PDB file of N, CA and C in Angstrom:
ATOM      1  N   MET A   1      27.059 -13.299  -4.674  1.00  0.00           N
ATOM      2  CA  MET A   1      27.368 -12.291  -3.637  1.00  0.00           C
ATOM      3  C   MET A   1      26.026 -11.944  -2.974  1.00  0.00           C
ATOM      4  N   ASP A   2      26.140 -11.781  -1.715  1.00  0.00           N
ATOM      5  CA  ASP A   2      24.920 -11.384  -0.957  1.00  0.00           C
ATOM      6  C   ASP A   2      24.816  -9.888  -0.717  1.00  0.00           C
ATOM      7  N   TYR A   3      23.784  -9.328  -1.216  1.00  0.00           N
ATOM      8  CA  TYR A   3      23.492  -7.939  -1.015  1.00  0.00           C
ATOM      9  C   TYR A   3      22.516  -7.801   0.146  1.00  0.00           C
ATOM     10  N   GLU A   4      22.999  -7.781   1.364  1.00  0.00           N
ATOM     11  CA  GLU A   4      22.207  -8.013   2.566  1.00  0.00           C
ATOM     12  C   GLU A   4      21.150  -6.889   2.759  1.00  0.00           C
ATOM     13  N   LYS A   5      21.548  -5.687   2.579  1.00  0.00           N
ATOM     14  CA  LYS A   5      20.624  -4.602   2.779  1.00  0.00           C
ATOM     15  C   LYS A   5      20.633  -3.632   1.608  1.00  0.00           C
ATOM     16  N   ASN A   6      19.484  -3.349   1.084  1.00  0.00           N
ATOM     17  CA  ASN A   6      19.370  -2.406   0.042  1.00  0.00           C
ATOM     18  C   ASN A   6      18.218  -1.487   0.360  1.00  0.00           C
ATOM     19  N   VAL A   7      18.428  -0.134   0.095  1.00  0.00           N
ATOM     20  CA  VAL A   7      17.373   0.878   0.290  1.00  0.00           C
ATOM     21  C   VAL A   7      17.318   1.701  -0.960  1.00  0.00           C
ATOM     22  N   LEU A   8      16.041   1.716  -1.493  1.00  0.00           N
ATOM     23  CA  LEU A   8      15.720   2.447  -2.661  1.00  0.00           C
ATOM     24  C   LEU A   8      14.862   3.582  -2.252  1.00  0.00           C
ATOM     25  N   ALA A   9      15.256   4.807  -2.347  1.00  0.00           N
ATOM     26  CA  ALA A   9      14.530   5.994  -2.009  1.00  0.00           C
ATOM     27  C   ALA A   9      13.928   6.799  -3.266  1.00  0.00           C
ATOM     28  N   ASP A  10      13.176   7.753  -2.988  1.00  0.00           N
ATOM     29  CA  ASP A  10      12.524   8.544  -4.041  1.00  0.00           C
ATOM     30  C   ASP A  10      13.596   8.989  -5.037  1.00  0.00           C
ATOM     31  N   GLY A  11      13.266   8.918  -6.287  1.00  0.00           N
ATOM     32  CA  GLY A  11      14.026   9.514  -7.372  1.00  0.00           C
ATOM     33  C   GLY A  11      15.395   8.870  -7.785  1.00  0.00           C
ATOM     34  N   GLY A  12      15.574   7.682  -7.212  1.00  0.00           N
ATOM     35  CA  GLY A  12      16.866   6.982  -7.562  1.00  0.00           C
ATOM     36  C   GLY A  12      17.963   6.995  -6.589  1.00  0.00           C
ATOM     37  N   ASN A  13      17.740   7.605  -5.356  1.00  0.00           N
ATOM     38  CA  ASN A  13      18.778   7.520  -4.379  1.00  0.00           C
ATOM     39  C   ASN A  13      18.806   6.115  -3.828  1.00  0.00           C
ATOM     40  N   PHE A  14      19.943   5.573  -3.564  1.00  0.00           N
ATOM     41  CA  PHE A  14      20.201   4.211  -3.287  1.00  0.00           C
ATOM     42  C   PHE A  14      21.299   3.930  -2.367  1.00  0.00           C
ATOM     43  N   ILE A  15      21.109   2.995  -1.406  1.00  0.00           N
ATOM     44  CA  ILE A  15      22.164   2.536  -0.439  1.00  0.00           C
ATOM     45  C   ILE A  15      22.154   1.058  -0.599  1.00  0.00           C
ATOM     46  N   CYS A  16      23.455   0.450  -0.694  1.00  0.00           N
ATOM     47  CA  CYS A  16      23.508  -0.957  -0.803  1.00  0.00           C
ATOM     48  C   CYS A  16      24.658  -1.349   0.158  1.00  0.00           C
ATOM     49  N   CYS A  17      24.437  -2.357   1.039  1.00  0.00           N
ATOM     50  CA  CYS A  17      25.468  -2.896   1.940  1.00  0.00           C
ATOM     51  C   CYS A  17      25.800  -4.328   1.541  1.00  0.00           C
ATOM     52  N   ILE A  18      27.132  -4.484   1.248  1.00  0.00           N
ATOM     53  CA  ILE A  18      27.740  -5.745   0.919  1.00  0.00           C
ATOM     54  C   ILE A  18      28.656  -6.236   1.997  1.00  0.00           C
ATOM     55  N   ALA A  19      28.238  -7.064   2.806  1.00  0.00           N
ATOM     56  CA  ALA A  19      28.926  -7.434   3.971  1.00  0.00           C
ATOM     57  C   ALA A  19      30.242  -8.333   3.506  1.00  0.00           C
ATOM     58  N   ALA A  20      30.133  -9.111   2.538  1.00  0.00           N
ATOM     59  CA  ALA A  20      31.253  -9.968   2.064  1.00  0.00           C
ATOM     60  C   ALA A  20      32.421  -9.145   1.654  1.00  0.00           C
ATOM     61  N   LYS A  21      32.251  -7.919   1.216  1.00  0.00           N
ATOM     62  CA  LYS A  21      33.336  -7.040   0.714  1.00  0.00           C
ATOM     63  C   LYS A  21      33.487  -5.948   1.797  1.00  0.00           C
ATOM     64  N   ASP A  22      32.804  -5.924   2.856  1.00  0.00           N
ATOM     65  CA  ASP A  22      32.932  -4.865   3.900  1.00  0.00           C
ATOM     66  C   ASP A  22      32.809  -3.495   3.201  1.00  0.00           C
ATOM     67  N   MET A  23      31.701  -3.409   2.504  1.00  0.00           N
ATOM     68  CA  MET A  23      31.576  -2.230   1.630  1.00  0.00           C
ATOM     69  C   MET A  23      30.120  -1.725   1.692  1.00  0.00           C
ATOM     70  N   VAL A  24      29.926  -0.377   1.610  1.00  0.00           N
ATOM     71  CA  VAL A  24      28.664   0.239   1.481  1.00  0.00           C
ATOM     72  C   VAL A  24      28.739   1.234   0.309  1.00  0.00           C
ATOM     73  N   VAL A  25      27.757   1.101  -0.699  1.00  0.00           N
ATOM     74  CA  VAL A  25      27.810   1.875  -1.864  1.00  0.00           C
ATOM     75  C   VAL A  25      26.478   2.855  -1.704  1.00  0.00           C
ATOM     76  N   THR A  26      26.649   4.061  -1.924  1.00  0.00           N
ATOM     77  CA  THR A  26      25.562   4.961  -1.964  1.00  0.00           C
ATOM     78  C   THR A  26      25.589   5.785  -3.332  1.00  0.00           C
ATOM     79  N   ILE A  27      24.396   5.945  -3.755  1.00  0.00           N
ATOM     80  CA  ILE A  27      24.153   6.695  -4.997  1.00  0.00           C
ATOM     81  C   ILE A  27      23.114   7.821  -4.695  1.00  0.00           C
ATOM     82  N   THR A  28      23.473   9.062  -4.968  1.00  0.00           N
ATOM     83  CA  THR A  28      22.499  10.073  -4.888  1.00  0.00           C
ATOM     84  C   THR A  28      22.261  10.721  -6.257  1.00  0.00           C
ATOM     85  N   SER A  29      21.085  11.199  -6.385  1.00  0.00           N
ATOM     86  CA  SER A  29      20.795  11.876  -7.696  1.00  0.00           C
ATOM     87  C   SER A  29      19.542  12.859  -7.475  1.00  0.00           C
ATOM     88  N   LYS A  30      19.486  13.731  -8.470  1.00  0.00           N
ATOM     89  CA  LYS A  30      18.281  14.629  -8.491  1.00  0.00           C
ATOM     90  C   LYS A  30      17.060  13.654  -8.660  1.00  0.00           C
ATOM     91  N   PHE A  31      15.875  14.261  -8.312  1.00  0.00           N
ATOM     92  CA  PHE A  31      14.695  13.385  -8.398  1.00  0.00           C
ATOM     93  C   PHE A  31      14.436  13.163  -9.929  1.00  0.00           C
ATOM     94  N   MET A  32      14.025  11.843 -10.217  1.00  0.00           N
ATOM     95  CA  MET A  32      13.755  11.466 -11.537  1.00  0.00           C
ATOM     96  C   MET A  32      12.670  10.299 -11.522  1.00  0.00           C
ATOM     97  N   MET A  33      11.817  10.436 -12.537  1.00  0.00           N
ATOM     98  CA  MET A  33      10.694   9.372 -12.550  1.00  0.00           C
ATOM     99  C   MET A  33      11.331   8.162 -13.237  1.00  0.00           C
ATOM    100  N   ASN A  34      10.963   6.985 -12.626  1.00  0.00           N
ATOM    101  CA  ASN A  34      11.366   5.784 -13.185  1.00  0.00           C
ATOM    102  C   ASN A  34      12.966   5.598 -13.372  1.00  0.00           C
ATOM    103  N   PRO A  35      13.641   5.720 -12.350  1.00  0.00           N
ATOM    104  CA  PRO A  35      15.191   5.623 -12.365  1.00  0.00           C
ATOM    105  C   PRO A  35      15.593   4.253 -12.791  1.00  0.00           C
ATOM    106  N   LYS A  36      16.698   4.163 -13.380  1.00  0.00           N
ATOM    107  CA  LYS A  36      17.284   2.944 -13.845  1.00  0.00           C
ATOM    108  C   LYS A  36      17.673   2.040 -12.670  1.00  0.00           C
ATOM    109  N   ASN A  37      17.851   0.775 -12.786  1.00  0.00           N
ATOM    110  CA  ASN A  37      18.193  -0.167 -11.736  1.00  0.00           C
ATOM    111  C   ASN A  37      19.675   0.119 -11.289  1.00  0.00           C
ATOM    112  N   ARG A  38      19.772   0.553 -10.125  1.00  0.00           N
ATOM    113  CA  ARG A  38      21.132   0.925  -9.536  1.00  0.00           C
ATOM    114  C   ARG A  38      21.920  -0.282  -9.140  1.00  0.00           C
ATOM    115  N   LEU A  39      21.240  -1.386  -8.919  1.00  0.00           N
ATOM    116  CA  LEU A  39      21.908  -2.633  -8.479  1.00  0.00           C
ATOM    117  C   LEU A  39      22.788  -3.217  -9.728  1.00  0.00           C
ATOM    118  N   THR A  40      22.240  -3.040 -10.887  1.00  0.00           N
ATOM    119  CA  THR A  40      23.028  -3.407 -12.111  1.00  0.00           C
ATOM    120  C   THR A  40      24.276  -2.591 -12.180  1.00  0.00           C
ATOM    121  N   LEU A  41      24.292  -1.387 -11.959  1.00  0.00           N
ATOM    122  CA  LEU A  41      25.486  -0.598 -11.973  1.00  0.00           C
ATOM    123  C   LEU A  41      26.471  -1.047 -10.959  1.00  0.00           C
ATOM    124  N   ILE A  42      25.958  -1.360  -9.772  1.00  0.00           N
ATOM    125  CA  ILE A  42      26.821  -1.893  -8.716  1.00  0.00           C
ATOM    126  C   ILE A  42      27.476  -3.262  -9.018  1.00  0.00           C
ATOM    127  N   LYS A  43      26.683  -4.178  -9.463  1.00  0.00           N
ATOM    128  CA  LYS A  43      27.113  -5.501  -9.843  1.00  0.00           C
ATOM    129  C   LYS A  43      28.092  -5.482 -11.026  1.00  0.00           C
ATOM    130  N   GLU A  44      27.867  -4.794 -12.023  1.00  0.00           N
ATOM    131  CA  GLU A  44      28.604  -4.828 -13.253  1.00  0.00           C
ATOM    132  C   GLU A  44      29.868  -3.867 -13.252  1.00  0.00           C
ATOM    133  N   TYR A  45      29.884  -2.804 -12.504  1.00  0.00           N
ATOM    134  CA  TYR A  45      30.977  -1.868 -12.551  1.00  0.00           C
ATOM    135  C   TYR A  45      31.718  -1.648 -11.272  1.00  0.00           C
ATOM    136  N   ILE A  46      30.966  -1.361 -10.134  1.00  0.00           N
ATOM    137  CA  ILE A  46      31.586  -0.949  -8.963  1.00  0.00           C
ATOM    138  C   ILE A  46      32.270  -2.115  -8.274  1.00  0.00           C
ATOM    139  N   ILE A  47      31.550  -3.192  -8.041  1.00  0.00           N
ATOM    140  CA  ILE A  47      32.196  -4.327  -7.391  1.00  0.00           C
ATOM    141  C   ILE A  47      33.473  -4.871  -8.246  1.00  0.00           C
ATOM    142  N   PRO A  48      33.337  -5.064  -9.466  1.00  0.00           N
ATOM    143  CA  PRO A  48      34.612  -5.474 -10.240  1.00  0.00           C
ATOM    144  C   PRO A  48      35.808  -4.520 -10.128  1.00  0.00           C
ATOM    145  N   ALA A  49      35.436  -3.235  -9.918  1.00  0.00           N
ATOM    146  CA  ALA A  49      36.539  -2.228  -9.843  1.00  0.00           C
ATOM    147  C   ALA A  49      37.281  -2.300  -8.426  1.00  0.00           C
ATOM    148  N   VAL A  50      36.613  -2.912  -7.426  1.00  0.00           N
ATOM    149  CA  VAL A  50      37.290  -2.971  -6.086  1.00  0.00           C
ATOM    150  C   VAL A  50      37.717  -4.355  -5.778  1.00  0.00           C
ATOM    151  N   LYS A  51      37.715  -5.281  -6.701  1.00  0.00           N
ATOM    152  CA  LYS A  51      38.163  -6.700  -6.446  1.00  0.00           C
ATOM    153  C   LYS A  51      39.722  -6.708  -6.313  1.00  0.00           C
TER     154      LYS A  51
END
């Protein structure tokens, strides 16, 4: 799957555009040092939930 555009901002805020699914995923959070990888969450849980 092609994750065409990803934006990682301060503290774990994240935007991911997935053209093949015509989908945009956004994650917002309070500021945190060394946030976990949000792309793993999207690949393993969010995309399988919308198939």
